[in-house]
Protein backbone atom coordinates (compact mmCIF):
# COMPACT_ATOMS: atom_id res chain seq x y z
CA MET A 1 0.00 0.00 0.00
CA TYR A 2 1.34 3.41 -0.97
CA LEU A 3 2.17 5.76 1.90
CA THR A 4 3.16 9.39 1.60
CA SER A 5 6.46 10.43 3.15
CA GLU A 6 4.57 11.85 6.15
CA GLU A 7 2.59 8.62 6.57
CA GLU A 8 5.82 6.62 6.38
CA ARG A 9 7.33 8.73 9.16
CA ILE A 10 4.26 8.09 11.30
CA TYR A 11 4.51 4.37 10.53
CA GLU A 12 8.14 4.37 11.65
CA GLY A 13 7.23 6.06 14.95
CA GLU A 14 8.59 9.55 14.35
CA ARG A 15 5.29 11.11 15.50
CA GLY A 16 5.01 9.00 18.65
CA TRP A 17 3.75 5.59 19.72
CA THR A 18 0.03 6.41 19.54
CA LEU A 19 -0.02 7.51 15.91
CA GLN A 20 2.39 4.71 15.02
CA LYS A 21 -0.01 2.12 16.40
CA ALA A 22 -2.92 3.79 14.62
CA MET A 23 -1.03 3.77 11.32
CA GLN A 24 0.01 0.16 11.77
CA ILE A 25 -3.64 -0.83 12.28
CA LEU A 26 -4.78 1.01 9.15
CA VAL A 27 -1.93 -0.29 7.01
CA ALA A 28 -2.59 -3.88 8.11
CA ILE A 29 -6.29 -3.54 7.30
CA GLY A 30 -5.55 -1.77 4.03
CA GLU A 31 -3.08 -4.40 2.84
CA LEU A 32 -5.44 -7.19 3.84
CA ASN A 33 -8.19 -5.63 1.71
CA GLY A 34 -6.07 -4.53 -1.24
CA ALA A 35 -6.24 -0.80 -0.55
CA GLU A 36 -3.96 1.32 -2.70
CA ARG A 37 -3.64 4.23 -0.28
CA LEU A 38 -5.19 6.13 2.61
CA ILE A 39 -7.83 8.82 2.09
CA PRO A 40 -8.94 11.67 4.38
CA ILE A 41 -12.19 11.34 6.34
CA LYS A 42 -14.62 13.91 7.69
CA SER A 43 -15.71 12.10 10.88
CA ALA A 44 -15.44 8.91 12.90
CA HIS A 45 -17.71 6.99 15.24
CA VAL A 46 -16.18 4.58 17.76
CA SER A 47 -17.85 1.53 19.32
CA GLY A 48 -16.54 -0.57 22.19
CA ALA A 49 -17.53 1.97 24.83
CA SER A 50 -19.50 -0.11 27.32
CA TYR A 51 -17.48 -1.73 30.08
CA LYS A 52 -19.85 -4.70 29.79
CA THR A 53 -18.54 -5.43 26.29
CA ILE A 54 -15.00 -3.98 26.31
CA GLY A 55 -13.97 -5.07 29.80
CA ASP A 56 -10.43 -4.25 30.85
CA ALA A 57 -9.36 -3.88 27.21
CA TYR A 58 -10.03 -0.16 27.71
CA GLU A 59 -6.62 -0.01 29.38
CA PHE A 60 -5.13 0.04 25.88
CA VAL A 61 -7.11 3.21 25.14
CA GLU A 62 -5.79 4.73 28.37
CA ARG A 63 -2.24 4.30 27.04
CA LEU A 64 -2.94 6.41 23.96
CA HIS A 65 -1.94 10.08 23.79
CA GLY A 66 -2.91 13.00 21.61
CA ARG A 67 -6.21 14.10 20.12
CA VAL A 68 -8.42 12.80 17.35
CA ALA A 69 -7.96 14.56 14.01
CA VAL A 70 -11.66 14.70 13.06
CA ARG A 71 -14.99 15.02 14.83
CA THR A 72 -15.47 11.69 16.61
CA THR A 73 -18.48 10.42 18.51
CA LEU A 74 -18.87 7.47 20.85
CA ASN A 75 -21.30 4.55 20.94
CA PRO A 76 -23.55 3.84 23.98
CA VAL A 77 -21.87 2.97 27.28
CA GLY A 78 -23.08 0.56 29.96
CA MET A 79 -25.17 2.99 32.01
CA ASP A 80 -26.99 6.30 32.03
CA LEU A 81 -24.20 8.64 33.06
CA GLU A 82 -26.50 10.69 35.30
CA ARG A 83 -29.06 8.13 36.49
CA TRP A 84 -26.97 4.99 36.86
CA ARG A 85 -28.02 4.45 40.46
CA GLU A 86 -31.64 4.43 39.34
CA MET A 87 -30.65 1.63 36.94
CA LEU A 88 -29.27 -0.33 39.96
CA ILE A 89 -25.75 -0.23 38.55
CA ASP A 90 -23.21 -1.12 41.23
CA GLU A 91 -20.43 1.24 42.26
CA ASP A 92 -17.63 -0.94 40.89
CA PHE A 93 -19.13 -1.10 37.39
CA ALA A 94 -19.84 2.64 37.46
CA LYS A 95 -16.24 3.38 38.41
CA LYS A 96 -14.87 1.25 35.59
CA GLN A 97 -17.36 2.66 33.10
CA ARG A 98 -16.28 6.19 33.98
CA ALA A 99 -12.66 5.13 33.41
CA VAL A 100 -13.56 3.85 29.93
CA LEU A 101 -15.31 7.10 29.12
CA SER A 102 -12.47 9.19 30.49
CA ALA A 103 -9.96 7.34 28.33
CA TYR A 104 -11.92 8.21 25.20
CA GLU A 105 -12.67 11.80 26.24
CA LYS A 106 -8.96 12.38 26.88
CA LEU A 107 -8.46 11.82 23.16
CA GLY A 108 -11.02 14.47 22.26
CA ILE A 109 -13.84 12.03 21.48
CA LEU A 110 -17.28 13.49 22.12
CA ALA A 111 -19.20 11.56 24.78
CA GLU A 112 -22.58 11.79 23.04
CA CYS A 113 -22.83 8.01 23.68
CA THR A 114 -25.41 7.17 21.04
CA CYS A 115 -25.70 4.65 18.23
CA VAL A 116 -27.41 7.27 16.03
CA PRO A 117 -24.82 10.07 15.77
CA TYR A 118 -26.53 11.32 12.62
CA GLU A 119 -29.52 12.33 14.78
CA ILE A 120 -27.57 14.59 17.13
CA PRO A 121 -28.91 18.14 16.68
CA PRO A 122 -26.49 20.98 15.90
CA THR A 123 -27.20 22.50 19.33
CA ARG A 124 -29.56 21.71 22.19
CA SER A 125 -31.66 24.72 21.07
CA HIS A 126 -32.50 22.86 17.87
CA LEU A 127 -34.48 20.11 19.61
CA LEU A 128 -37.80 21.22 18.18
CA GLU A 129 -36.60 21.16 14.58
CA THR A 130 -37.81 18.23 12.51
CA SER A 131 -34.90 18.55 10.04
CA LEU A 132 -31.34 17.74 11.06
CA ALA A 133 -29.88 18.64 7.68
CA SER A 134 -27.76 21.42 9.18
CA SER A 135 -26.24 19.27 11.91
CA PRO A 136 -22.44 18.89 11.67
CA PHE A 137 -22.87 15.36 13.04
CA ARG A 138 -24.80 14.30 9.94
CA PRO A 139 -22.52 13.17 7.08
CA ARG A 140 -23.11 14.63 3.64
CA GLU A 141 -23.53 12.73 0.41
CA GLY A 142 -20.18 11.55 -0.92
CA GLU A 143 -18.24 12.26 2.30
CA HIS A 144 -15.75 9.63 3.42
CA ILE A 145 -16.12 8.69 7.08
CA ALA A 146 -14.92 5.87 9.36
CA TRP A 147 -17.77 4.58 11.49
CA SER A 148 -18.26 1.48 13.57
CA GLU A 149 -21.72 0.40 14.88
CA SER A 150 -23.35 -1.59 12.11
CA SER A 151 -26.73 0.16 12.05
CA ALA A 152 -25.12 3.61 11.84
CA VAL A 153 -22.73 2.46 9.10
CA ILE A 154 -25.54 1.08 6.98
CA PHE A 155 -27.75 4.12 7.54
CA ALA A 156 -24.94 6.53 6.64
CA ASN A 157 -24.15 4.63 3.43
CA SER A 158 -27.71 3.89 2.40
CA VAL A 159 -29.80 6.88 3.41
CA LEU A 160 -27.30 9.73 3.64
CA GLY A 161 -25.02 8.66 0.79
CA ALA A 162 -21.83 8.92 2.86
CA ARG A 163 -19.06 6.36 2.37
CA THR A 164 -17.77 4.11 5.12
CA ASN A 165 -16.82 0.51 5.62
CA MET A 166 -18.02 -1.52 8.59
CA GLU A 167 -15.23 -0.50 10.92
CA GLY A 168 -14.39 -2.27 14.15
CA ALA A 169 -13.67 -0.31 17.31
CA PRO A 170 -9.84 -0.39 16.84
CA SER A 171 -9.90 0.66 13.18
CA ALA A 172 -12.46 3.43 13.77
CA LEU A 173 -10.32 4.76 16.62
CA ALA A 174 -7.17 4.55 14.51
CA ALA A 175 -8.90 6.40 11.67
CA ALA A 176 -10.10 9.07 14.09
CA LEU A 177 -6.57 9.68 15.40
CA LEU A 178 -5.10 10.00 11.91
CA GLY A 179 -8.06 11.51 10.09
CA LYS A 180 -7.63 8.87 7.39
CA THR A 181 -8.85 5.43 6.37
CA PRO A 182 -7.78 2.85 3.74
CA LEU A 183 -9.38 3.20 0.30
CA TYR A 184 -11.24 -0.07 -0.26
CA GLY A 185 -14.70 -1.59 -0.03
CA LEU A 186 -17.59 0.86 0.18
CA HIS A 187 -15.33 3.87 -0.30
CA ILE A 188 -15.10 2.80 -3.98
CA PRO A 189 -18.20 3.70 -6.05
CA GLU A 190 -18.42 0.48 -8.07
CA ASN A 191 -18.54 -1.60 -4.89
CA ARG A 192 -21.70 0.20 -3.81
CA ASN A 193 -23.84 -0.87 -6.79
CA ALA A 194 -27.02 -2.84 -6.04
CA THR A 195 -27.14 -6.32 -7.57
CA VAL A 196 -30.34 -7.81 -6.08
CA LYS A 197 -33.75 -6.13 -6.15
CA LEU A 198 -36.18 -6.84 -3.31
CA LEU A 199 -39.70 -5.95 -4.39
CA ILE A 200 -41.82 -5.50 -1.26
CA CYS A 201 -45.27 -6.59 -2.39
CA ASP A 202 -47.30 -5.30 0.56
CA GLU A 203 -47.39 -2.12 2.59
CA ILE A 204 -45.32 -2.54 5.73
CA SER A 205 -44.66 -0.34 8.74
CA ASP A 206 -43.06 -0.10 12.17
CA ALA A 207 -41.48 -3.36 13.36
CA ASP A 208 -41.95 -4.91 9.92
CA PHE A 209 -38.87 -2.99 8.82
CA GLY A 210 -36.71 -4.58 11.50
CA ALA A 211 -38.03 -8.00 10.53
CA LEU A 212 -37.34 -7.25 6.87
CA GLY A 213 -33.79 -6.33 7.77
CA LEU A 214 -33.32 -9.65 9.55
CA LEU A 215 -34.71 -11.53 6.56
CA THR A 216 -32.62 -9.54 4.07
CA GLY A 217 -29.37 -10.81 5.48
CA GLU A 218 -30.44 -14.37 4.70
CA ILE A 219 -31.73 -13.53 1.22
CA VAL A 220 -28.86 -11.51 -0.21
CA GLY A 221 -25.79 -12.69 1.71
CA ASP A 222 -23.03 -10.22 0.89
CA SER A 223 -24.79 -8.76 -2.17
CA VAL A 224 -26.09 -5.18 -2.17
CA PRO A 225 -29.91 -5.05 -2.18
CA LEU A 226 -32.18 -2.47 -3.78
CA PHE A 227 -35.58 -2.17 -2.07
CA GLU A 228 -38.70 -1.05 -3.87
CA PHE A 229 -41.50 -0.27 -1.42
CA LYS A 230 -45.09 0.72 -1.81
CA GLY A 231 -44.53 4.33 -0.81
CA ILE A 232 -41.47 6.02 0.67
CA PRO A 233 -40.41 4.78 4.14
CA SER A 234 -39.73 7.29 6.89
CA GLU A 235 -36.21 7.85 8.18
CA ASP A 236 -37.10 6.02 11.39
CA GLU A 237 -38.31 3.01 9.42
CA LEU A 238 -35.12 3.00 7.36
CA LYS A 239 -33.14 3.17 10.60
CA GLN A 240 -34.86 -0.03 11.78
CA LEU A 241 -34.22 -1.65 8.40
CA ALA A 242 -30.53 -0.78 8.63
CA ALA A 243 -30.33 -2.14 12.19
CA GLY A 244 -31.98 -5.43 11.21
CA ILE A 245 -29.68 -5.91 8.23
CA GLY A 246 -26.62 -5.10 10.31
CA ALA A 247 -27.63 -7.61 12.97
CA THR A 248 -27.65 -10.65 10.66
CA GLY A 249 -25.88 -9.96 7.40
CA SER A 250 -22.58 -8.79 6.00
CA VAL A 251 -24.13 -6.03 3.90
CA GLY A 252 -22.83 -2.53 4.57
CA ILE A 253 -25.22 -0.69 2.26
CA PHE A 254 -28.67 -1.00 0.74
CA HIS A 255 -30.52 1.12 -1.79
CA VAL A 256 -34.11 2.31 -1.63
CA LYS A 257 -35.78 3.45 -4.81
CA GLY A 258 -36.65 7.12 -4.39
CA VAL A 259 -34.44 7.59 -1.30
CA THR A 260 -30.82 6.48 -1.75
CA PRO A 261 -28.88 9.17 -3.63
CA GLU A 262 -27.05 6.66 -5.84
CA ALA A 263 -29.84 4.07 -6.30
CA LYS A 264 -29.64 2.52 -9.80
CA GLU A 265 -30.87 -0.71 -11.36
CA ASP A 266 -28.10 -1.04 -13.97
CA MET A 267 -26.37 -3.94 -12.17
CA ILE A 268 -29.48 -5.81 -10.93
CA SER A 269 -29.20 -9.50 -11.79
CA GLU A 270 -31.99 -10.92 -9.61
CA VAL A 271 -35.42 -9.82 -8.41
CA VAL A 272 -36.89 -11.27 -5.20
CA HIS A 273 -40.53 -10.70 -4.22
CA VAL A 274 -41.10 -10.31 -0.48
CA GLU A 275 -44.57 -10.51 1.05
CA ARG A 276 -45.51 -9.43 4.54
CA SER A 277 -46.47 -12.99 5.46
CA GLN A 278 -42.84 -13.99 4.90
CA LEU A 279 -41.78 -11.68 7.71
CA ARG A 280 -43.99 -13.57 10.16
CA ASP A 281 -42.92 -16.96 8.83
CA PHE A 282 -39.27 -15.99 9.09
CA LEU A 283 -39.49 -15.00 12.74
CA GLU A 284 -41.66 -17.94 13.74
CA SER A 285 -39.08 -20.29 12.23
CA CYS A 286 -36.35 -18.91 14.50
CA GLY A 287 -37.49 -20.77 17.62
CA ASP A 288 -36.82 -19.33 21.05
CA ALA A 289 -35.01 -16.24 19.79
CA GLY A 290 -38.27 -14.66 18.70
CA ALA A 291 -41.96 -15.32 18.56
CA GLY A 292 -43.22 -13.48 15.51
CA VAL A 293 -44.42 -10.00 14.81
CA GLY A 294 -47.20 -8.99 17.16
CA SER A 295 -47.42 -12.42 18.75
CA SER A 296 -46.18 -13.99 21.97
CA GLY A 297 -46.57 -17.55 20.74
CA GLY A 298 -43.61 -19.58 21.94
CA GLY A 299 -41.92 -16.55 23.43
CA GLY A 300 -43.42 -16.63 26.92
CA GLU A 301 -44.98 -13.75 28.81
CA PRO A 302 -42.84 -10.60 28.67
CA ASP A 303 -41.57 -9.24 31.96
CA VAL A 304 -40.17 -6.06 30.41
CA VAL A 305 -40.79 -3.74 27.46
CA ALA A 306 -37.75 -2.16 25.82
CA ILE A 307 -37.68 0.32 22.93
CA GLY A 308 -34.76 2.26 21.50
CA CYS A 309 -32.32 -0.03 19.73
CA PRO A 310 -31.15 1.96 17.83
CA HIS A 311 -31.80 4.99 20.02
CA CYS A 312 -35.17 6.67 19.55
CA SER A 313 -35.34 9.86 17.55
CA LEU A 314 -37.34 12.85 18.73
CA ASN A 315 -40.11 11.91 16.28
CA GLU A 316 -40.20 8.38 17.66
CA LEU A 317 -40.48 9.73 21.20
CA ARG A 318 -43.40 11.90 20.13
CA ARG A 319 -45.13 8.92 18.53
CA ILE A 320 -44.59 6.74 21.60
CA TYR A 321 -46.07 9.46 23.81
CA LYS A 322 -49.16 9.66 21.60
CA ILE A 323 -49.64 5.88 21.80
CA LEU A 324 -49.10 5.90 25.57
CA LYS A 325 -51.73 8.59 25.99
CA GLU A 326 -54.26 6.73 23.84
CA GLU A 327 -53.65 3.39 25.54
CA SER A 328 -53.84 4.97 29.00
CA LYS A 329 -57.32 6.24 28.18
CA ARG A 330 -58.42 2.94 26.67
CA SER A 331 -57.15 0.84 29.60
CA ARG A 332 -58.12 3.42 32.24
CA ARG A 333 -54.65 3.10 33.75
CA SER A 334 -52.43 6.08 34.50
CA LYS A 335 -49.23 4.01 34.72
CA VAL A 336 -47.77 1.07 32.82
CA ALA A 337 -47.98 -2.29 34.60
CA LEU A 338 -44.73 -3.74 33.22
CA PRO A 339 -41.22 -2.29 33.54
CA PHE A 340 -40.89 -0.18 30.40
CA PHE A 341 -37.57 1.29 29.24
CA ILE A 342 -36.89 3.67 26.37
CA PHE A 343 -33.39 4.55 25.22
CA THR A 344 -32.44 7.74 23.43
CA ALA A 345 -29.60 10.18 22.89
CA ARG A 346 -28.62 12.59 25.65
CA ALA A 347 -29.45 15.45 23.28
CA PHE A 348 -33.17 14.70 23.74
CA ARG A 349 -33.16 14.27 27.51
CA GLY A 350 -34.21 17.84 28.18
CA SER A 351 -37.20 17.79 25.85
CA GLU A 352 -40.69 18.16 27.31
CA ILE A 353 -41.80 14.98 25.55
CA VAL A 354 -39.48 12.88 27.76
CA ARG A 355 -41.06 14.28 30.92
CA ARG A 356 -44.53 13.49 29.57
CA ILE A 357 -43.54 9.93 28.69
CA GLU A 358 -42.13 9.33 32.16
CA ASN A 359 -45.41 10.49 33.71
CA PHE A 360 -46.79 7.12 32.58
CA GLY A 361 -44.21 5.24 34.65
CA VAL A 362 -41.87 4.66 31.72
CA LYS A 363 -38.12 5.10 32.30
CA VAL A 364 -36.24 7.02 29.59
CA PHE A 365 -32.51 6.41 29.81
CA CYS A 366 -29.71 8.04 27.83
CA ASP A 367 -26.10 7.11 27.01
CA THR A 368 -26.84 3.38 27.09
CA CYS A 369 -29.19 0.69 25.81
CA PHE A 370 -30.71 -2.60 26.84
CA VAL A 371 -28.11 -4.85 25.18
CA VAL A 372 -24.89 -3.16 26.41
CA SER A 373 -25.83 -2.55 30.05
CA PRO A 374 -25.69 -5.11 32.89
CA ALA A 375 -28.73 -3.42 34.45
CA PHE A 376 -31.18 -5.53 32.46
CA GLU A 377 -29.76 -9.00 33.04
CA ARG A 378 -32.58 -9.73 35.51
CA PHE A 379 -35.26 -9.98 32.80
CA SER A 380 -36.15 -13.26 31.10
CA CYS A 381 -38.58 -12.26 28.34
CA ILE A 382 -38.32 -8.97 26.44
CA LEU A 383 -41.02 -7.34 24.34
CA THR A 384 -39.56 -4.93 21.78
CA ASN A 385 -40.18 -3.29 18.42
CA SER A 386 -36.50 -3.65 17.48
CA GLY A 387 -35.20 -6.36 15.17
CA LYS A 388 -31.68 -5.57 16.34
CA MET A 389 -32.60 -6.10 19.99
CA TRP A 390 -34.42 -9.30 19.00
CA ARG A 391 -31.14 -10.54 17.60
CA TYR A 392 -28.58 -9.26 20.11
CA ALA A 393 -30.28 -9.42 23.50
CA PRO A 394 -30.01 -13.24 23.73
CA LEU A 395 -26.42 -13.14 22.47
CA LEU A 396 -25.10 -10.48 24.84
CA SER A 397 -26.95 -11.46 28.01
CA GLN A 398 -25.77 -14.23 30.31
CA ARG A 399 -29.41 -15.05 31.01
CA ARG A 400 -30.17 -15.52 27.28
CA PRO A 401 -33.68 -14.05 27.50
CA LYS A 402 -36.45 -14.79 25.06
CA VAL A 403 -37.38 -11.85 22.87
CA ILE A 404 -40.71 -11.02 21.26
CA LEU A 405 -40.74 -8.66 18.29
CA ALA A 406 -43.94 -6.63 18.00
CA SER A 407 -45.22 -3.29 16.75
CA THR A 408 -44.78 -0.20 18.89
CA GLU A 409 -48.53 -0.16 19.49
CA GLU A 410 -48.49 -3.75 20.70
CA CYS A 411 -45.53 -3.05 22.98
CA VAL A 412 -47.37 -0.17 24.64
CA LYS A 413 -50.62 -2.12 24.87
CA ARG A 414 -48.93 -5.04 26.62
CA ALA A 415 -47.17 -2.66 28.98
CA PHE A 416 -50.53 -1.48 30.34
CA SER A 417 -52.08 -4.96 30.63
């Protein structure tokens, strides 16, 4: 792989151990993937932030010195940084989690602690805006970035038209420190072309998109899919689609007709028809991991409701509040009967809608989520609207809970019953 004279000096250690290690990581990855050179990036997003998942490996991050070269955000950590006691997090975990966070912050990484960095508003005063187009955290079409967190990677590539590979925590951090990444994979235009068309025959909504994402990974393998829907999905629905695809497949990008900036059918070699009934059949065939959309058959009785994987947007919070209010009237209950947790970015914590949601007995936590925090190990059956949580909760919990995937409306309804 070609290195400039400056890059060679960094590789040889002339700019210090930290940048040398970062360059060695990028060169190794670049050579493994046939990259010709490094290219500059506009931003980075680093995973591996929860002490539950990273453990004492964070000590390597503590050894690093210097500052990141580009705007860099951090994935969710293992607790709400302000309300961790309310989550029943023990002091020892909290201490270690703060150490992880401190190690990243020392490098200039922004502790937004969210899996949806593209939804961070430009300032807290912009909370009421429905458009985030002006946010500096939102990549622009054609920009090269280096993001980890599969759902964010796929969303950035597919919906925003940015260019990033599926980085791991070490490579994303290395790219952030150098402001560069190897030129291979989805940074190259021809590798982003769709080759399989998925024609969605029925109107779908809400949790159907997460289920479709789970099914897509099995249908297309490592091919790039082009979706044609009846109507244009919302950004929140596309976020769930991206999360579902990232949870099961090796696809780093999809195209949606009428949405994706570079969506073309020139390279399509196969057309697959997908009906809504297939989404149910797919989930019901997965045994204990899930019980089917809107159904608890085989999944047991839920002892918790969890929404926000990926983190809820402000629009999603507004919709959840509306459903809570309607279901409260219908059931004649002022509070939910089941433990009910919602996860969102810290940027939305101060919004009035969060206070209104919590009036129904729901807990809205920031900085963390159900699958990366030890606080939720006590539950055995989860009801969620998230295909990603359906996939990861059993894998990342020692208790291996059952998970039921249902619509947002069904989740709220069951919470009051």
